């Protein structure tokens, strides 16, 4: 007999007392569909890196999510309920991410989860979400290993695999053969290394050099020496956070003239301006449109939301978080005036060709749920803005 069926057979007080003995500590209480829901508000949970090597990403996620929710709430919320964000710091430490989510689930404080960042962090979170049955929208990771059929998880961004293949195809099309890979020495970096190696093999190539950089950058000098010795024509940076800044600066000096490329998560927004000329010419994949270009209605809506939130600086990270919050809000709208987590899952899965204003979300109905295939390539110019 399933856990919820067992709990439903006993009186309320006894059921509450019995739950710890019947289920893991992180499982929600017997009245799970009411978690994070009141007559006036819907609380959404998120654990992000507000400190540590990816603090800039966490800050962008918080900003974009809060701006989107404020914009939605100013228009009346979701069927009269306001959206509230419960966001906690995990420092990019997977165990802390898992502990944060366990606490939200055990206390029943979050109706759904949104925009938690980091591949190893999401690897720790997703099993908990699947066990508890809580909808989770837009993990900020493109790892294909985490897209294996989870029924409660609704990815928004395109996968790292697709980003890497698009980038390698462009480099090969330019006639570049000596492509090196510098990757973060964790689950994220190693998965990108595998994706890049397969993409190169498809073009009958192999990495001219591959080097693992520690998440704290302690072996930076060793990595720079290894790349310098190989003299590649291009380097793919499968890195993220503050270590990417040191890598770009180091490579500009040790291998002048090398073409530097990266993925959508390689460089946080707050590192672009300080990099100055060192960032210029760096080619990167994008999983959302350029945040400074207002050709699309989605981007104009985002810019308006940030300005109303007191912000004039736009970034890929905050735009992605804004998009993610809008996707969740649309799912809640479709779930109706009396939402349950099951209704939210069904509403999200039922999205077909929903146009947010130049950015389309389309879920397949069956896991794995991936809403967007958008990938573009951009080159950084002055002030960290994409010029094409």
Protein backbone atom coordinates (compact mmCIF):
# COMPACT_ATOMS: atom_id res chain seq x y z
CA UNK A 1 0.00 0.00 0.00
CA UNK A 2 1.37 3.44 -0.89
CA UNK A 3 2.41 5.85 1.86
CA UNK A 4 -0.37 8.37 1.21
CA UNK A 5 -2.96 5.60 1.30
CA UNK A 6 -1.63 4.39 4.64
CA UNK A 7 -1.69 7.87 6.13
CA UNK A 8 -5.24 8.48 4.94
CA UNK A 9 -6.54 5.52 6.97
CA UNK A 10 -5.67 6.97 10.35
CA UNK A 11 -7.02 10.00 12.22
CA UNK A 12 -5.34 13.35 11.56
CA UNK A 13 -3.29 13.57 14.78
CA UNK A 14 -2.17 9.97 14.50
CA UNK A 15 -1.32 10.44 10.84
CA UNK A 16 0.93 13.39 11.56
CA UNK A 17 2.69 11.48 14.30
CA UNK A 18 3.06 8.42 12.10
CA UNK A 19 4.63 10.10 9.07
CA UNK A 20 8.24 10.10 10.36
CA UNK A 21 8.07 6.36 10.92
CA UNK A 22 6.54 5.68 7.53
CA UNK A 23 8.67 7.88 5.26
CA UNK A 24 12.07 9.49 4.86
CA UNK A 25 12.61 12.65 6.90
CA UNK A 26 12.28 14.98 3.91
CA UNK A 27 8.80 13.79 2.83
CA UNK A 28 6.04 16.37 3.21
CA UNK A 29 3.20 16.02 5.65
CA UNK A 30 -0.01 14.14 4.92
CA UNK A 31 -1.62 17.27 3.42
CA UNK A 32 1.06 17.65 0.74
CA UNK A 33 -1.12 19.32 -1.89
CA UNK A 34 -1.56 22.30 0.45
CA UNK A 35 2.17 22.85 0.99
CA UNK A 36 3.10 26.47 0.38
CA UNK A 37 -0.47 27.42 -0.47
CA UNK A 38 -2.76 29.81 1.37
CA UNK A 39 -5.87 31.77 0.46
CA UNK A 40 -3.73 34.78 -0.42
CA UNK A 41 -0.34 33.47 -1.57
CA UNK A 42 1.59 30.71 -3.31
CA UNK A 43 5.10 30.21 -1.96
CA UNK A 44 7.79 28.99 -4.35
CA UNK A 45 11.06 27.56 -3.04
CA UNK A 46 14.56 27.88 -4.44
CA UNK A 47 18.06 26.99 -3.23
CA UNK A 48 20.83 28.87 -5.04
CA UNK A 49 24.46 29.91 -4.65
CA UNK A 50 24.20 33.35 -3.03
CA UNK A 51 27.75 32.80 -1.75
CA UNK A 52 30.74 30.80 -2.97
CA UNK A 53 32.23 30.55 -6.48
CA UNK A 54 28.88 30.91 -8.27
CA UNK A 55 27.49 33.71 -6.08
CA UNK A 56 26.99 35.96 -9.10
CA UNK A 57 24.63 33.42 -10.66
CA UNK A 58 22.63 33.14 -7.46
CA UNK A 59 22.31 36.91 -7.29
CA UNK A 60 21.08 37.03 -10.89
CA UNK A 61 18.58 34.23 -10.25
CA UNK A 62 17.20 36.04 -7.21
CA UNK A 63 16.94 39.32 -9.10
CA UNK A 64 15.23 37.91 -12.19
CA UNK A 65 12.80 35.80 -10.17
CA UNK A 66 11.83 38.61 -7.82
CA UNK A 67 11.35 41.03 -10.72
CA UNK A 68 9.09 38.57 -12.55
CA UNK A 69 7.03 37.84 -9.44
CA UNK A 70 6.66 41.55 -8.66
CA UNK A 71 5.46 42.17 -12.22
CA UNK A 72 2.96 39.30 -11.99
CA UNK A 73 1.74 40.36 -8.55
CA UNK A 74 1.24 43.96 -9.73
CA UNK A 75 -1.14 42.59 -12.35
CA UNK A 76 -3.23 40.73 -9.77
CA UNK A 77 -1.13 37.66 -9.11
CA UNK A 78 -2.36 34.17 -9.95
CA UNK A 79 -6.14 33.97 -9.63
CA UNK A 80 -5.95 36.52 -6.81
CA UNK A 81 -3.00 34.92 -5.00
CA UNK A 82 0.39 36.62 -4.88
CA UNK A 83 3.58 34.77 -5.65
CA UNK A 84 6.13 34.65 -2.84
CA UNK A 85 9.73 33.46 -3.11
CA UNK A 86 11.43 31.43 -0.40
CA UNK A 87 15.09 31.50 -1.46
CA UNK A 88 18.00 30.08 0.55
CA UNK A 89 21.75 30.02 0.03
CA UNK A 90 23.67 26.78 -0.57
CA UNK A 91 27.09 28.20 -1.52
CA UNK A 92 27.17 25.83 -4.54
CA UNK A 93 27.60 22.91 -2.12
CA UNK A 94 25.39 19.95 -3.16
CA UNK A 95 24.86 18.70 0.40
CA UNK A 96 23.61 22.13 1.46
CA UNK A 97 21.27 22.20 -1.55
CA UNK A 98 19.81 18.85 -0.52
CA UNK A 99 19.49 19.93 3.10
CA UNK A 100 17.69 23.13 2.09
CA UNK A 101 15.20 21.21 -0.04
CA UNK A 102 14.66 18.58 2.68
CA UNK A 103 13.76 21.36 5.09
CA UNK A 104 11.29 22.94 2.67
CA UNK A 105 9.66 19.57 2.03
CA UNK A 106 9.48 18.48 5.65
CA UNK A 107 7.98 21.81 6.73
CA UNK A 108 5.64 22.00 3.73
CA UNK A 109 6.64 25.61 3.00
CA UNK A 110 6.95 25.41 -0.80
CA UNK A 111 4.21 24.60 -3.32
CA UNK A 112 6.81 24.12 -6.07
CA UNK A 113 10.54 24.49 -6.64
CA UNK A 114 12.10 26.91 -9.12
CA UNK A 115 15.50 27.73 -10.67
CA UNK A 116 17.97 25.97 -8.40
CA UNK A 117 21.42 26.24 -9.95
CA UNK A 118 24.34 23.86 -10.42
CA UNK A 119 24.68 20.42 -11.99
CA UNK A 120 25.95 18.58 -8.87
CA UNK A 121 23.43 20.51 -6.78
CA UNK A 122 20.51 19.46 -8.95
CA UNK A 123 21.79 15.89 -8.98
CA UNK A 124 21.32 15.97 -5.20
CA UNK A 125 17.92 17.69 -5.35
CA UNK A 126 16.02 15.85 -8.07
CA UNK A 127 15.74 12.47 -6.29
CA UNK A 128 14.17 14.26 -3.31
CA UNK A 129 11.70 16.04 -5.58
CA UNK A 130 10.77 12.83 -7.33
CA UNK A 131 10.16 11.07 -4.02
CA UNK A 132 8.08 13.91 -2.61
CA UNK A 133 6.08 14.57 -5.79
CA UNK A 134 6.66 18.34 -5.78
CA UNK A 135 6.72 20.09 -9.18
CA UNK A 136 10.11 21.56 -10.02
CA UNK A 137 10.40 24.10 -12.84
CA UNK A 138 13.64 25.06 -14.60
CA UNK A 139 16.69 23.57 -12.94
CA UNK A 140 19.52 25.87 -14.00
CA UNK A 141 21.63 23.14 -15.50
CA UNK A 142 21.72 21.74 -19.01
CA UNK A 143 23.21 18.40 -17.98
CA UNK A 144 21.75 15.64 -20.15
CA UNK A 145 22.38 13.16 -17.33
CA UNK A 146 19.64 14.91 -15.34
CA UNK A 147 17.09 14.60 -18.15
CA UNK A 148 16.27 10.94 -17.81
CA UNK A 149 12.50 10.95 -17.37
CA UNK A 150 11.77 12.61 -14.01
CA UNK A 151 8.01 13.16 -13.96
CA UNK A 152 8.04 16.16 -11.59
CA UNK A 153 10.85 18.13 -13.28
CA UNK A 154 10.16 20.62 -16.09
CA UNK A 155 13.36 21.86 -17.70
CA UNK A 156 13.23 25.13 -19.59
CA UNK A 157 16.71 25.71 -21.03
CA UNK A 158 18.23 23.69 -23.86
CA UNK A 159 20.78 21.06 -22.87
CA UNK A 160 24.54 21.48 -22.55
CA UNK A 161 24.88 18.70 -25.10
CA UNK A 162 23.05 20.82 -27.66
CA UNK A 163 25.05 23.91 -26.70
CA UNK A 164 28.35 22.08 -27.11
CA UNK A 165 27.40 20.51 -30.44
CA UNK A 166 26.30 23.90 -31.81
CA UNK A 167 29.56 25.49 -30.70
CA UNK A 168 31.81 22.69 -32.04
CA UNK A 169 29.97 22.76 -35.36
CA UNK A 170 30.63 26.49 -35.66
CA UNK A 171 34.32 26.11 -34.81
CA UNK A 172 34.73 23.24 -37.27
CA UNK A 173 32.92 25.29 -39.90
CA UNK A 174 35.56 27.99 -39.42
CA UNK A 175 38.23 25.45 -40.29
CA UNK A 176 39.65 25.29 -36.75
CA UNK A 177 41.20 21.92 -35.96
CA UNK A 178 43.21 22.36 -32.77
CA UNK A 179 40.42 22.76 -30.24
CA UNK A 180 41.34 22.45 -26.57
CA UNK A 181 39.01 21.96 -23.61
CA UNK A 182 39.41 23.37 -20.10
CA UNK A 183 36.76 21.92 -17.84
CA UNK A 184 35.69 22.37 -14.23
CA UNK A 185 36.78 19.41 -12.13
CA UNK A 186 33.31 18.40 -10.99
CA UNK A 187 30.25 16.64 -12.41
CA UNK A 188 29.31 19.62 -14.59
CA UNK A 189 32.73 19.97 -16.17
CA UNK A 190 33.28 16.27 -16.73
CA UNK A 191 29.93 15.89 -18.47
CA UNK A 192 30.72 18.82 -20.79
CA UNK A 193 34.10 17.23 -21.54
CA UNK A 194 32.31 14.04 -22.63
CA UNK A 195 29.84 16.01 -24.77
CA UNK A 196 32.63 18.02 -26.42
CA UNK A 197 34.77 14.94 -27.06
CA UNK A 198 31.84 13.16 -28.74
CA UNK A 199 31.10 16.25 -30.84
CA UNK A 200 34.72 16.43 -31.97
CA UNK A 201 34.78 12.71 -32.76
CA UNK A 202 31.73 13.20 -34.98
CA UNK A 203 33.88 15.60 -37.01
CA UNK A 204 36.81 13.17 -36.96
CA UNK A 205 38.73 15.33 -34.49
CA UNK A 206 40.01 15.01 -30.95
CA UNK A 207 40.81 17.62 -28.27
CA UNK A 208 44.27 19.09 -28.82
CA UNK A 209 44.47 19.44 -25.04
CA UNK A 210 42.14 18.79 -22.13
CA UNK A 211 42.77 20.13 -18.66
CA UNK A 212 40.74 20.02 -15.44
CA UNK A 213 40.62 23.21 -13.35
CA UNK A 214 39.71 22.94 -9.66
CA UNK A 215 36.51 24.74 -8.63
CA UNK A 216 38.61 27.08 -6.47
CA UNK A 217 41.21 27.56 -9.22
CA UNK A 218 44.10 26.35 -7.06
CA UNK A 219 45.79 24.60 -10.03
CA UNK A 220 45.39 27.54 -12.42
CA UNK A 221 49.11 27.86 -13.18
CA UNK A 222 49.37 24.17 -14.03
CA UNK A 223 46.38 24.36 -16.40
CA UNK A 224 47.71 27.47 -18.14
CA UNK A 225 51.08 25.81 -18.69
CA UNK A 226 49.40 22.73 -20.16
CA UNK A 227 47.33 24.79 -22.59
CA UNK A 228 50.33 26.98 -23.50
CA UNK A 229 52.36 23.88 -24.38
CA UNK A 230 49.60 22.57 -26.69
CA UNK A 231 49.11 25.90 -28.52
CA UNK A 232 45.48 25.26 -29.56
CA UNK A 233 43.74 27.49 -32.10
CA UNK A 234 40.62 27.63 -29.90
CA UNK A 235 39.74 26.77 -26.31
CA UNK A 236 36.32 25.71 -25.09
CA UNK A 237 35.83 26.79 -21.47
CA UNK A 238 33.59 24.23 -19.78
CA UNK A 239 33.86 26.25 -16.59
CA UNK A 240 31.55 28.40 -14.49
CA UNK A 241 31.78 31.13 -11.89
CA UNK A 242 34.79 33.05 -10.64
CA UNK A 243 37.35 30.52 -11.91
CA UNK A 244 36.29 31.39 -15.47
CA UNK A 245 37.48 34.96 -14.95
CA UNK A 246 40.94 33.81 -13.92
CA UNK A 247 41.07 31.40 -16.85
CA UNK A 248 40.19 34.06 -19.41
CA UNK A 249 42.76 36.49 -18.04
CA UNK A 250 45.42 33.78 -17.85
CA UNK A 251 44.80 32.45 -21.35
CA UNK A 252 44.87 35.95 -22.86
CA UNK A 253 48.41 36.28 -21.52
CA UNK A 254 49.77 32.76 -21.97
CA UNK A 255 48.21 31.98 -25.36
CA UNK A 256 47.66 35.37 -27.03
CA UNK A 257 45.44 35.27 -30.08
CA UNK A 258 43.68 32.04 -29.14
CA UNK A 259 39.93 32.03 -29.78
CA UNK A 260 38.12 31.62 -26.46
CA UNK A 261 34.66 30.09 -26.40
CA UNK A 262 32.25 29.18 -23.63
CA UNK A 263 28.78 27.98 -22.76
CA UNK A 264 25.84 29.95 -21.44
CA UNK A 265 27.01 29.49 -17.84
CA UNK A 266 30.73 30.12 -18.33
CA UNK A 267 30.92 33.77 -17.28
CA UNK A 268 28.68 35.44 -14.68
CA UNK A 269 27.44 38.91 -15.56
CA UNK A 270 29.39 40.67 -12.82
CA UNK A 271 32.69 39.43 -14.28
CA UNK A 272 32.24 40.83 -17.78
CA UNK A 273 32.87 44.51 -17.14
CA UNK A 274 35.87 43.92 -14.84
CA UNK A 275 37.40 41.70 -17.54
CA UNK A 276 37.36 44.67 -19.87
CA UNK A 277 39.23 44.02 -23.12
CA UNK A 278 39.98 40.47 -22.02
CA UNK A 279 36.30 39.59 -22.52
CA UNK A 280 36.10 41.15 -25.96
CA UNK A 281 35.80 38.59 -28.75
CA UNK A 282 34.84 35.70 -26.48
CA UNK A 283 32.23 33.58 -28.26
CA UNK A 284 29.46 32.05 -26.13
CA UNK A 285 26.29 30.08 -26.55
CA UNK A 286 23.05 31.64 -25.30
CA UNK A 287 19.92 29.77 -24.16
CA UNK A 288 17.84 32.94 -23.93
CA UNK A 289 17.88 35.99 -26.22
CA UNK A 290 20.41 38.78 -25.71
CA UNK A 291 19.15 40.74 -22.66
CA UNK A 292 20.21 44.18 -23.94
CA UNK A 293 18.48 43.91 -27.30
CA UNK A 294 14.81 44.84 -27.16
CA UNK A 295 13.66 43.43 -30.48
CA UNK A 296 11.56 40.73 -28.80
CA UNK A 297 8.52 41.43 -26.62
CA UNK A 298 9.86 39.00 -24.02
CA UNK A 299 13.05 41.03 -23.60
CA UNK A 300 11.12 44.29 -23.41
CA UNK A 301 8.88 42.80 -20.70
CA UNK A 302 11.98 41.63 -18.82
CA UNK A 303 13.67 45.01 -19.06
CA UNK A 304 10.50 46.71 -17.82
CA UNK A 305 10.29 44.29 -14.87
CA UNK A 306 13.90 44.95 -13.85
CA UNK A 307 13.53 48.72 -14.12
CA UNK A 308 10.40 48.57 -11.96
CA UNK A 309 12.50 46.55 -9.50
CA UNK A 310 15.07 49.36 -9.38
CA UNK A 311 17.62 47.72 -11.68
CA UNK A 312 19.16 49.13 -14.84
CA UNK A 313 21.70 46.35 -15.49
CA UNK A 314 20.54 43.45 -17.64
CA UNK A 315 22.13 39.98 -17.80
CA UNK A 316 21.67 36.54 -19.27
CA UNK A 317 21.28 35.06 -15.80
CA UNK A 318 18.51 37.35 -14.62
CA UNK A 319 16.71 37.03 -17.97
CA UNK A 320 16.80 33.24 -17.71
CA UNK A 321 15.42 33.40 -14.17
CA UNK A 322 12.72 35.83 -15.35
CA UNK A 323 11.73 33.40 -18.13
CA UNK A 324 11.63 30.50 -15.67
CA UNK A 325 9.34 32.36 -13.27
CA UNK A 326 7.02 33.26 -16.15
CA UNK A 327 6.82 29.60 -17.19
CA UNK A 328 5.89 28.54 -13.66
CA UNK A 329 3.33 31.34 -13.41
CA UNK A 330 1.71 30.23 -16.68
CA UNK A 331 1.47 26.71 -15.33
CA UNK A 332 -0.18 27.99 -12.17
CA UNK A 333 -2.66 30.04 -14.21
CA UNK A 334 -3.61 26.95 -16.17
CA UNK A 335 -3.91 24.89 -12.98
CA UNK A 336 -6.95 27.00 -12.04
CA UNK A 337 -8.30 28.77 -8.97
CA UNK A 338 -7.91 25.72 -6.76
CA UNK A 339 -4.42 24.51 -7.68
CA UNK A 340 -2.87 21.30 -6.50
CA UNK A 341 0.58 20.06 -7.28
CA UNK A 342 -0.92 17.36 -9.51
CA UNK A 343 -2.89 19.98 -11.45
CA UNK A 344 0.23 22.10 -11.83
CA UNK A 345 2.15 19.11 -13.24
CA UNK A 346 -0.63 18.43 -15.73
CA UNK A 347 -0.87 22.08 -16.72
CA UNK A 348 2.86 22.34 -17.36
CA UNK A 349 2.97 19.09 -19.31
CA UNK A 350 0.09 20.35 -21.45
CA UNK A 351 1.89 23.48 -22.67
CA UNK A 352 2.15 23.44 -26.46
CA UNK A 353 3.88 26.17 -28.45
CA UNK A 354 3.29 28.82 -25.79
CA UNK A 355 4.84 32.02 -27.16
CA UNK A 356 6.13 34.32 -24.43
CA UNK A 357 6.89 37.04 -26.97
CA UNK A 358 9.48 35.57 -29.29
CA UNK A 359 10.49 32.69 -27.00
CA UNK A 360 8.47 29.46 -27.26
CA UNK A 361 7.85 26.85 -24.58
CA UNK A 362 6.62 23.42 -25.68
CA UNK A 363 6.52 20.41 -23.36
CA UNK A 364 6.10 16.96 -24.85
CA UNK A 365 3.49 15.72 -22.39
CA UNK A 366 5.73 12.81 -21.40
CA UNK A 367 8.99 12.89 -19.41
CA UNK A 368 11.62 14.08 -19.83
CA UNK A 369 10.00 17.50 -20.01
CA UNK A 370 12.18 20.06 -21.83
CA UNK A 371 10.42 23.28 -22.82
CA UNK A 372 12.92 25.17 -24.99
CA UNK A 373 15.35 24.32 -27.77
CA UNK A 374 16.54 27.92 -28.16
CA UNK A 375 20.29 28.24 -28.71
CA UNK A 376 22.08 31.20 -30.24
CA UNK A 377 25.73 32.17 -30.57
CA UNK A 378 27.04 35.56 -29.56
CA UNK A 379 30.35 37.39 -29.42
CA UNK A 380 31.11 39.70 -26.53
CA UNK A 381 31.98 43.30 -27.33
CA UNK A 382 32.52 46.33 -25.11
CA UNK A 383 31.05 46.38 -21.60
CA UNK A 384 30.23 42.67 -21.77
CA UNK A 385 27.41 43.03 -24.27
CA UNK A 386 26.78 40.65 -27.13
CA UNK A 387 27.36 42.21 -30.53
CA UNK A 388 26.27 39.32 -32.71
